[in-house]
Amino acid sequence: MLRIIRDLAQKSENVFIEPHAKKRMKQRNITRTQVYACLLKGVIDEPAHENIRGNWKCTLRHHHAGELIRVTAAVEKDDNGDWIAVVTVF
């Protein structure tokens, strides 16, 4: 799961930040840079599990700019291939 997330996050067009996550980013002063750093360099904090839509989801954590960032992400699939949905951040 970690390898898949890191590979997909190499291209920003493969990452979709859901409205809920954007709201939490604003509330918690978490930047896109911190989210991408967590996706690219973070470690799994909550093990991967299948969500109700049949996609794999996990929470990653990473220290960035002196703060501990956690990102919950799901690997989604559509006709164009795999992509990451950032569900929430904290």
PDB file of N, CA and C in Angstrom:
ATOM      1  N   MET A   1       0.822  -1.186   0.000  1.00  0.00           N
ATOM      2  CA  MET A   1       0.000   0.000   0.000  1.00  0.00           C
ATOM      3  C   MET A   1       0.873   1.259   0.000  1.00  0.00           C
ATOM      4  N   LEU A   2       1.901   1.243   0.832  1.00  0.00           N
ATOM      5  CA  LEU A   2       2.785   2.401   0.924  1.00  0.00           C
ATOM      6  C   LEU A   2       3.473   2.662  -0.412  1.00  0.00           C
ATOM      7  N   ARG A   3       3.939   1.613  -1.058  1.00  0.00           N
ATOM      8  CA  ARG A   3       4.609   1.771  -2.354  1.00  0.00           C
ATOM      9  C   ARG A   3       3.640   2.337  -3.396  1.00  0.00           C
ATOM     10  N   ILE A   4       2.414   1.859  -3.409  1.00  0.00           N
ATOM     11  CA  ILE A   4       1.408   2.332  -4.370  1.00  0.00           C
ATOM     12  C   ILE A   4       1.126   3.814  -4.143  1.00  0.00           C
ATOM     13  N   ILE A   5       0.938   4.214  -2.886  1.00  0.00           N
ATOM     14  CA  ILE A   5       0.656   5.625  -2.580  1.00  0.00           C
ATOM     15  C   ILE A   5       1.826   6.496  -2.995  1.00  0.00           C
ATOM     16  N   ARG A   6       3.034   6.079  -2.657  1.00  0.00           N
ATOM     17  CA  ARG A   6       4.215   6.886  -3.021  1.00  0.00           C
ATOM     18  C   ARG A   6       4.366   7.010  -4.540  1.00  0.00           C
ATOM     19  N   ASP A   7       4.131   5.923  -5.251  1.00  0.00           N
ATOM     20  CA  ASP A   7       4.230   5.965  -6.710  1.00  0.00           C
ATOM     21  C   ASP A   7       3.181   6.908  -7.303  1.00  0.00           C
ATOM     22  N   LEU A   8       1.936   6.796  -6.849  1.00  0.00           N
ATOM     23  CA  LEU A   8       0.868   7.647  -7.383  1.00  0.00           C
ATOM     24  C   LEU A   8       1.077   9.119  -7.029  1.00  0.00           C
ATOM     25  N   ALA A   9       1.568   9.393  -5.815  1.00  0.00           N
ATOM     26  CA  ALA A   9       1.744  10.772  -5.358  1.00  0.00           C
ATOM     27  C   ALA A   9       2.877  11.507  -6.066  1.00  0.00           C
ATOM     28  N   GLN A  10       3.679  10.787  -6.849  1.00  0.00           N
ATOM     29  CA  GLN A  10       4.748  11.438  -7.613  1.00  0.00           C
ATOM     30  C   GLN A  10       4.188  12.481  -8.580  1.00  0.00           C
ATOM     31  N   LYS A  11       2.941  12.266  -9.025  1.00  0.00           N
ATOM     32  CA  LYS A  11       2.289  13.204  -9.948  1.00  0.00           C
ATOM     33  C   LYS A  11       1.071  13.789  -9.242  1.00  0.00           C
ATOM     34  N   SER A  12       1.031  15.102  -9.123  1.00  0.00           N
ATOM     35  CA  SER A  12      -0.064  15.752  -8.388  1.00  0.00           C
ATOM     36  C   SER A  12      -1.426  15.497  -9.024  1.00  0.00           C
ATOM     37  N   GLU A  13      -1.466  15.211 -10.324  1.00  0.00           N
ATOM     38  CA  GLU A  13      -2.753  14.942 -10.964  1.00  0.00           C
ATOM     39  C   GLU A  13      -3.361  13.618 -10.502  1.00  0.00           C
ATOM     40  N   ASN A  14      -2.583  12.801  -9.820  1.00  0.00           N
ATOM     41  CA  ASN A  14      -3.094  11.538  -9.278  1.00  0.00           C
ATOM     42  C   ASN A  14      -3.661  11.690  -7.872  1.00  0.00           C
ATOM     43  N   VAL A  15      -3.620  12.917  -7.326  1.00  0.00           N
ATOM     44  CA  VAL A  15      -4.075  13.155  -5.955  1.00  0.00           C
ATOM     45  C   VAL A  15      -5.264  14.108  -5.981  1.00  0.00           C
ATOM     46  N   PHE A  16      -6.386  13.658  -5.389  1.00  0.00           N
ATOM     47  CA  PHE A  16      -7.579  14.479  -5.269  1.00  0.00           C
ATOM     48  C   PHE A  16      -7.841  14.713  -3.793  1.00  0.00           C
ATOM     49  N   ILE A  17      -7.858  15.971  -3.384  1.00  0.00           N
ATOM     50  CA  ILE A  17      -8.137  16.304  -1.992  1.00  0.00           C
ATOM     51  C   ILE A  17      -9.632  16.578  -1.878  1.00  0.00           C
ATOM     52  N   GLU A  18     -10.325  15.709  -1.163  1.00  0.00           N
ATOM     53  CA  GLU A  18     -11.777  15.800  -1.031  1.00  0.00           C
ATOM     54  C   GLU A  18     -12.169  17.054  -0.245  1.00  0.00           C
ATOM     55  N   PRO A  19     -13.381  17.558  -0.461  1.00  0.00           N
ATOM     56  CA  PRO A  19     -13.836  18.776   0.227  1.00  0.00           C
ATOM     57  C   PRO A  19     -13.692  18.713   1.754  1.00  0.00           C
ATOM     58  N   HIS A  20     -13.999  17.571   2.346  1.00  0.00           N
ATOM     59  CA  HIS A  20     -13.853  17.439   3.798  1.00  0.00           C
ATOM     60  C   HIS A  20     -12.395  17.663   4.210  1.00  0.00           C
ATOM     61  N   ALA A  21     -11.458  17.077   3.465  1.00  0.00           N
ATOM     62  CA  ALA A  21     -10.034  17.235   3.781  1.00  0.00           C
ATOM     63  C   ALA A  21      -9.605  18.692   3.613  1.00  0.00           C
ATOM     64  N   LYS A  22     -10.105  19.367   2.576  1.00  0.00           N
ATOM     65  CA  LYS A  22      -9.773  20.787   2.378  1.00  0.00           C
ATOM     66  C   LYS A  22     -10.248  21.627   3.563  1.00  0.00           C
ATOM     67  N   LYS A  23     -11.437  21.313   4.056  1.00  0.00           N
ATOM     68  CA  LYS A  23     -11.985  22.035   5.209  1.00  0.00           C
ATOM     69  C   LYS A  23     -11.107  21.827   6.434  1.00  0.00           C
ATOM     70  N   ARG A  24     -10.701  20.583   6.664  1.00  0.00           N
ATOM     71  CA  ARG A  24      -9.834  20.279   7.811  1.00  0.00           C
ATOM     72  C   ARG A  24      -8.453  20.909   7.655  1.00  0.00           C
ATOM     73  N   MET A  25      -7.940  20.955   6.431  1.00  0.00           N
ATOM     74  CA  MET A  25      -6.651  21.606   6.189  1.00  0.00           C
ATOM     75  C   MET A  25      -6.716  23.069   6.598  1.00  0.00           C
ATOM     76  N   LYS A  26      -7.779  23.727   6.210  1.00  0.00           N
ATOM     77  CA  LYS A  26      -7.938  25.150   6.536  1.00  0.00           C
ATOM     78  C   LYS A  26      -8.061  25.336   8.051  1.00  0.00           C
ATOM     79  N   GLN A  27      -8.894  24.504   8.706  1.00  0.00           N
ATOM     80  CA  GLN A  27      -9.093  24.599  10.156  1.00  0.00           C
ATOM     81  C   GLN A  27      -7.798  24.349  10.925  1.00  0.00           C
ATOM     82  N   ARG A  28      -6.977  23.445  10.430  1.00  0.00           N
ATOM     83  CA  ARG A  28      -5.786  23.004  11.171  1.00  0.00           C
ATOM     84  C   ARG A  28      -4.484  23.598  10.627  1.00  0.00           C
ATOM     85  N   ASN A  29      -4.610  24.537   9.693  1.00  0.00           N
ATOM     86  CA  ASN A  29      -3.437  25.195   9.099  1.00  0.00           C
ATOM     87  C   ASN A  29      -2.436  24.189   8.535  1.00  0.00           C
ATOM     88  N   ILE A  30      -2.948  23.236   7.788  1.00  0.00           N
ATOM     89  CA  ILE A  30      -2.114  22.232   7.127  1.00  0.00           C
ATOM     90  C   ILE A  30      -2.076  22.571   5.647  1.00  0.00           C
ATOM     91  N   THR A  31      -0.880  22.639   5.084  1.00  0.00           N
ATOM     92  CA  THR A  31      -0.716  23.041   3.689  1.00  0.00           C
ATOM     93  C   THR A  31      -0.710  21.832   2.751  1.00  0.00           C
ATOM     94  N   ARG A  32      -0.908  22.117   1.459  1.00  0.00           N
ATOM     95  CA  ARG A  32      -0.809  21.061   0.441  1.00  0.00           C
ATOM     96  C   ARG A  32       0.590  20.444   0.458  1.00  0.00           C
ATOM     97  N   THR A  33       1.600  21.270   0.672  1.00  0.00           N
ATOM     98  CA  THR A  33       2.979  20.786   0.723  1.00  0.00           C
ATOM     99  C   THR A  33       3.128  19.736   1.823  1.00  0.00           C
ATOM    100  N   GLN A  34       2.522  19.990   2.978  1.00  0.00           N
ATOM    101  CA  GLN A  34       2.589  19.030   4.070  1.00  0.00           C
ATOM    102  C   GLN A  34       1.841  17.742   3.730  1.00  0.00           C
ATOM    103  N   VAL A  35       0.699  17.869   3.064  1.00  0.00           N
ATOM    104  CA  VAL A  35      -0.070  16.687   2.659  1.00  0.00           C
ATOM    105  C   VAL A  35       0.744  15.846   1.684  1.00  0.00           C
ATOM    106  N   TYR A  36       1.333  16.496   0.654  1.00  0.00           N
ATOM    107  CA  TYR A  36       2.123  15.753  -0.325  1.00  0.00           C
ATOM    108  C   TYR A  36       3.351  15.118   0.324  1.00  0.00           C
ATOM    109  N   ALA A  37       3.992  15.831   1.254  1.00  0.00           N
ATOM    110  CA  ALA A  37       5.158  15.271   1.945  1.00  0.00           C
ATOM    111  C   ALA A  37       4.757  14.017   2.725  1.00  0.00           C
ATOM    112  N   CYS A  38       3.579  14.055   3.341  1.00  0.00           N
ATOM    113  CA  CYS A  38       3.096  12.895   4.085  1.00  0.00           C
ATOM    114  C   CYS A  38       2.846  11.720   3.142  1.00  0.00           C
ATOM    115  N   LEU A  39       2.252  11.987   1.982  1.00  0.00           N
ATOM    116  CA  LEU A  39       1.995  10.919   1.017  1.00  0.00           C
ATOM    117  C   LEU A  39       3.290  10.333   0.467  1.00  0.00           C
ATOM    118  N   LEU A  40       4.276  11.181   0.249  1.00  0.00           N
ATOM    119  CA  LEU A  40       5.527  10.742  -0.367  1.00  0.00           C
ATOM    120  C   LEU A  40       6.526  10.138   0.615  1.00  0.00           C
ATOM    121  N   LYS A  41       6.509  10.614   1.872  1.00  0.00           N
ATOM    122  CA  LYS A  41       7.548  10.206   2.813  1.00  0.00           C
ATOM    123  C   LYS A  41       7.018   9.610   4.111  1.00  0.00           C
ATOM    124  N   GLY A  42       5.703   9.635   4.299  1.00  0.00           N
ATOM    125  CA  GLY A  42       5.123   9.171   5.545  1.00  0.00           C
ATOM    126  C   GLY A  42       5.190   7.668   5.722  1.00  0.00           C
ATOM    127  N   VAL A  43       4.880   7.258   6.930  1.00  0.00           N
ATOM    128  CA  VAL A  43       4.793   5.834   7.262  1.00  0.00           C
ATOM    129  C   VAL A  43       3.344   5.526   7.623  1.00  0.00           C
ATOM    130  N   ILE A  44       2.972   4.278   7.496  1.00  0.00           N
ATOM    131  CA  ILE A  44       1.593   3.900   7.777  1.00  0.00           C
ATOM    132  C   ILE A  44       1.355   3.947   9.284  1.00  0.00           C
ATOM    133  N   ASP A  45       0.334   4.700   9.671  1.00  0.00           N
ATOM    134  CA  ASP A  45      -0.038   4.884  11.066  1.00  0.00           C
ATOM    135  C   ASP A  45      -1.244   4.004  11.421  1.00  0.00           C
ATOM    136  N   GLU A  46      -2.168   3.885  10.489  1.00  0.00           N
ATOM    137  CA  GLU A  46      -3.334   3.008  10.644  1.00  0.00           C
ATOM    138  C   GLU A  46      -3.296   2.031   9.479  1.00  0.00           C
ATOM    139  N   PRO A  47      -3.291   0.746   9.751  1.00  0.00           N
ATOM    140  CA  PRO A  47      -3.138  -0.247   8.680  1.00  0.00           C
ATOM    141  C   PRO A  47      -4.175  -0.125   7.568  1.00  0.00           C
ATOM    142  N   ALA A  48      -3.782  -0.577   6.411  1.00  0.00           N
ATOM    143  CA  ALA A  48      -4.671  -0.567   5.244  1.00  0.00           C
ATOM    144  C   ALA A  48      -5.849  -1.501   5.483  1.00  0.00           C
ATOM    145  N   HIS A  49      -7.010  -1.029   5.052  1.00  0.00           N
ATOM    146  CA  HIS A  49      -8.218  -1.835   5.137  1.00  0.00           C
ATOM    147  C   HIS A  49      -9.140  -1.441   3.985  1.00  0.00           C
ATOM    148  N   GLU A  50     -10.036  -2.324   3.657  1.00  0.00           N
ATOM    149  CA  GLU A  50     -10.961  -2.075   2.556  1.00  0.00           C
ATOM    150  C   GLU A  50     -12.134  -1.239   3.078  1.00  0.00           C
ATOM    151  N   ASN A  51     -12.447  -0.140   2.364  1.00  0.00           N
ATOM    152  CA  ASN A  51     -13.570   0.694   2.798  1.00  0.00           C
ATOM    153  C   ASN A  51     -14.882   0.174   2.199  1.00  0.00           C
ATOM    154  N   ILE A  52     -15.985   0.865   2.485  1.00  0.00           N
ATOM    155  CA  ILE A  52     -17.295   0.385   2.032  1.00  0.00           C
ATOM    156  C   ILE A  52     -17.451   0.408   0.516  1.00  0.00           C
ATOM    157  N   ARG A  53     -16.618   1.179  -0.170  1.00  0.00           N
ATOM    158  CA  ARG A  53     -16.664   1.227  -1.639  1.00  0.00           C
ATOM    159  C   ARG A  53     -15.771   0.171  -2.286  1.00  0.00           C
ATOM    160  N   GLY A  54     -15.082  -0.605  -1.472  1.00  0.00           N
ATOM    161  CA  GLY A  54     -14.200  -1.641  -2.011  1.00  0.00           C
ATOM    162  C   GLY A  54     -12.809  -1.144  -2.347  1.00  0.00           C
ATOM    163  N   ASN A  55     -12.461   0.081  -1.914  1.00  0.00           N
ATOM    164  CA  ASN A  55     -11.125   0.634  -2.143  1.00  0.00           C
ATOM    165  C   ASN A  55     -10.297   0.489  -0.873  1.00  0.00           C
ATOM    166  N   TRP A  56      -8.978   0.462  -1.046  1.00  0.00           N
ATOM    167  CA  TRP A  56      -8.086   0.330   0.095  1.00  0.00           C
ATOM    168  C   TRP A  56      -7.766   1.700   0.669  1.00  0.00           C
ATOM    169  N   LYS A  57      -7.788   1.787   1.994  1.00  0.00           N
ATOM    170  CA  LYS A  57      -7.628   3.060   2.694  1.00  0.00           C
ATOM    171  C   LYS A  57      -6.677   2.859   3.868  1.00  0.00           C
ATOM    172  N   CYS A  58      -5.863   3.874   4.173  1.00  0.00           N
ATOM    173  CA  CYS A  58      -4.977   3.836   5.333  1.00  0.00           C
ATOM    174  C   CYS A  58      -4.691   5.259   5.795  1.00  0.00           C
ATOM    175  N   THR A  59      -4.084   5.370   6.956  1.00  0.00           N
ATOM    176  CA  THR A  59      -3.650   6.665   7.466  1.00  0.00           C
ATOM    177  C   THR A  59      -2.133   6.655   7.543  1.00  0.00           C
ATOM    178  N   LEU A  60      -1.532   7.722   7.029  1.00  0.00           N
ATOM    179  CA  LEU A  60      -0.082   7.881   7.063  1.00  0.00           C
ATOM    180  C   LEU A  60       0.267   9.022   8.010  1.00  0.00           C
ATOM    181  N   ARG A  61       1.476   8.985   8.559  1.00  0.00           N
ATOM    182  CA  ARG A  61       1.943  10.091   9.400  1.00  0.00           C
ATOM    183  C   ARG A  61       3.352  10.490   8.983  1.00  0.00           C
ATOM    184  N   HIS A  62       3.633  11.785   9.195  1.00  0.00           N
ATOM    185  CA  HIS A  62       4.943  12.310   8.804  1.00  0.00           C
ATOM    186  C   HIS A  62       5.189  13.616   9.551  1.00  0.00           C
ATOM    187  N   HIS A  63       6.400  13.789  10.032  1.00  0.00           N
ATOM    188  CA  HIS A  63       6.780  15.066  10.643  1.00  0.00           C
ATOM    189  C   HIS A  63       7.238  15.993   9.524  1.00  0.00           C
ATOM    190  N   HIS A  64       6.614  17.166   9.431  1.00  0.00           N
ATOM    191  CA  HIS A  64       6.976  18.137   8.399  1.00  0.00           C
ATOM    192  C   HIS A  64       6.858  19.537   8.980  1.00  0.00           C
ATOM    193  N   ALA A  65       7.879  20.328   8.804  1.00  0.00           N
ATOM    194  CA  ALA A  65       7.909  21.711   9.285  1.00  0.00           C
ATOM    195  C   ALA A  65       7.609  21.768  10.789  1.00  0.00           C
ATOM    196  N   GLY A  66       8.145  20.798  11.535  1.00  0.00           N
ATOM    197  CA  GLY A  66       7.984  20.781  12.975  1.00  0.00           C
ATOM    198  C   GLY A  66       6.640  20.292  13.474  1.00  0.00           C
ATOM    199  N   GLU A  67       5.793  19.821  12.593  1.00  0.00           N
ATOM    200  CA  GLU A  67       4.466  19.355  12.983  1.00  0.00           C
ATOM    201  C   GLU A  67       4.258  17.902  12.559  1.00  0.00           C
ATOM    202  N   LEU A  68       3.498  17.177  13.357  1.00  0.00           N
ATOM    203  CA  LEU A  68       3.116  15.817  12.990  1.00  0.00           C
ATOM    204  C   LEU A  68       1.838  15.912  12.166  1.00  0.00           C
ATOM    205  N   ILE A  69       1.910  15.453  10.935  1.00  0.00           N
ATOM    206  CA  ILE A  69       0.780  15.484  10.009  1.00  0.00           C
ATOM    207  C   ILE A  69       0.304  14.054   9.792  1.00  0.00           C
ATOM    208  N   ARG A  70      -1.010  13.883   9.805  1.00  0.00           N
ATOM    209  CA  ARG A  70      -1.604  12.585   9.470  1.00  0.00           C
ATOM    210  C   ARG A  70      -2.564  12.793   8.316  1.00  0.00           C
ATOM    211  N   VAL A  71      -2.509  11.885   7.355  1.00  0.00           N
ATOM    212  CA  VAL A  71      -3.355  11.940   6.165  1.00  0.00           C
ATOM    213  C   VAL A  71      -4.035  10.587   5.996  1.00  0.00           C
ATOM    214  N   THR A  72      -5.361  10.619   5.902  1.00  0.00           N
ATOM    215  CA  THR A  72      -6.097   9.404   5.583  1.00  0.00           C
ATOM    216  C   THR A  72      -6.356   9.425   4.086  1.00  0.00           C
ATOM    217  N   ALA A  73      -5.900   8.388   3.406  1.00  0.00           N
ATOM    218  CA  ALA A  73      -5.976   8.337   1.947  1.00  0.00           C
ATOM    219  C   ALA A  73      -6.527   6.996   1.491  1.00  0.00           C
ATOM    220  N   ALA A  74      -7.271   7.049   0.399  1.00  0.00           N
ATOM    221  CA  ALA A  74      -7.807   5.833  -0.223  1.00  0.00           C
ATOM    222  C   ALA A  74      -7.285   5.748  -1.647  1.00  0.00           C
ATOM    223  N   VAL A  75      -6.954   4.553  -2.077  1.00  0.00           N
ATOM    224  CA  VAL A  75      -6.548   4.335  -3.466  1.00  0.00           C
ATOM    225  C   VAL A  75      -7.812   3.959  -4.235  1.00  0.00           C
ATOM    226  N   GLU A  76      -8.185   4.828  -5.169  1.00  0.00           N
ATOM    227  CA  GLU A  76      -9.410   4.656  -5.952  1.00  0.00           C
ATOM    228  C   GLU A  76      -9.043   4.249  -7.374  1.00  0.00           C
ATOM    229  N   LYS A  77     -10.004   3.695  -8.080  1.00  0.00           N
ATOM    230  CA  LYS A  77      -9.799   3.290  -9.479  1.00  0.00           C
ATOM    231  C   LYS A  77     -10.955   3.823 -10.312  1.00  0.00           C
ATOM    232  N   ASP A  78     -10.632   4.241 -11.538  1.00  0.00           N
ATOM    233  CA  ASP A  78     -11.663   4.586 -12.512  1.00  0.00           C
ATOM    234  C   ASP A  78     -11.150   4.221 -13.900  1.00  0.00           C
ATOM    235  N   ASP A  79     -11.831   4.673 -14.933  1.00  0.00           N
ATOM    236  CA  ASP A  79     -11.443   4.329 -16.306  1.00  0.00           C
ATOM    237  C   ASP A  79     -10.053   4.839 -16.678  1.00  0.00           C
ATOM    238  N   ASN A  80      -9.579   5.880 -15.977  1.00  0.00           N
ATOM    239  CA  ASN A  80      -8.266   6.456 -16.273  1.00  0.00           C
ATOM    240  C   ASN A  80      -7.142   5.848 -15.442  1.00  0.00           C
ATOM    241  N   GLY A  81      -7.468   4.904 -14.557  1.00  0.00           N
ATOM    242  CA  GLY A  81      -6.439   4.260 -13.750  1.00  0.00           C
ATOM    243  C   GLY A  81      -6.609   4.543 -12.270  1.00  0.00           C
ATOM    244  N   ASP A  82      -5.542   4.316 -11.516  1.00  0.00           N
ATOM    245  CA  ASP A  82      -5.566   4.500 -10.067  1.00  0.00           C
ATOM    246  C   ASP A  82      -5.264   5.949  -9.709  1.00  0.00           C
ATOM    247  N   TRP A  83      -5.814   6.385  -8.573  1.00  0.00           N
ATOM    248  CA  TRP A  83      -5.542   7.720  -8.043  1.00  0.00           C
ATOM    249  C   TRP A  83      -5.773   7.707  -6.545  1.00  0.00           C
ATOM    250  N   ILE A  84      -5.295   8.745  -5.872  1.00  0.00           N
ATOM    251  CA  ILE A  84      -5.414   8.839  -4.421  1.00  0.00           C
ATOM    252  C   ILE A  84      -6.492   9.860  -4.069  1.00  0.00           C
ATOM    253  N   ALA A  85      -7.391   9.463  -3.179  1.00  0.00           N
ATOM    254  CA  ALA A  85      -8.373  10.383  -2.607  1.00  0.00           C
ATOM    255  C   ALA A  85      -7.932  10.680  -1.181  1.00  0.00           C
ATOM    256  N   VAL A  86      -7.606  11.943  -0.906  1.00  0.00           N
ATOM    257  CA  VAL A  86      -7.263  12.350   0.461  1.00  0.00           C
ATOM    258  C   VAL A  86      -8.589  12.588   1.165  1.00  0.00           C
ATOM    259  N   VAL A  87      -8.885  11.741   2.150  1.00  0.00           N
ATOM    260  CA  VAL A  87     -10.180  11.753   2.826  1.00  0.00           C
ATOM    261  C   VAL A  87     -10.201  12.822   3.929  1.00  0.00           C
ATOM    262  N   THR A  88      -9.171  12.847   4.755  1.00  0.00           N
ATOM    263  CA  THR A  88      -9.079  13.847   5.808  1.00  0.00           C
ATOM    264  C   THR A  88      -7.622  14.029   6.222  1.00  0.00           C
ATOM    265  N   VAL A  89      -7.357  15.093   6.949  1.00  0.00           N
ATOM    266  CA  VAL A  89      -6.018  15.369   7.467  1.00  0.00           C
ATOM    267  C   VAL A  89      -6.144  15.831   8.911  1.00  0.00           C
ATOM    268  N   PHE A  90      -5.151  15.502   9.713  1.00  0.00           N
ATOM    269  CA  PHE A  90      -5.137  15.966  11.102  1.00  0.00           C
ATOM    270  C   PHE A  90      -3.729  15.949  11.635  1.00  0.00           C
TER     271      PHE A  90
END
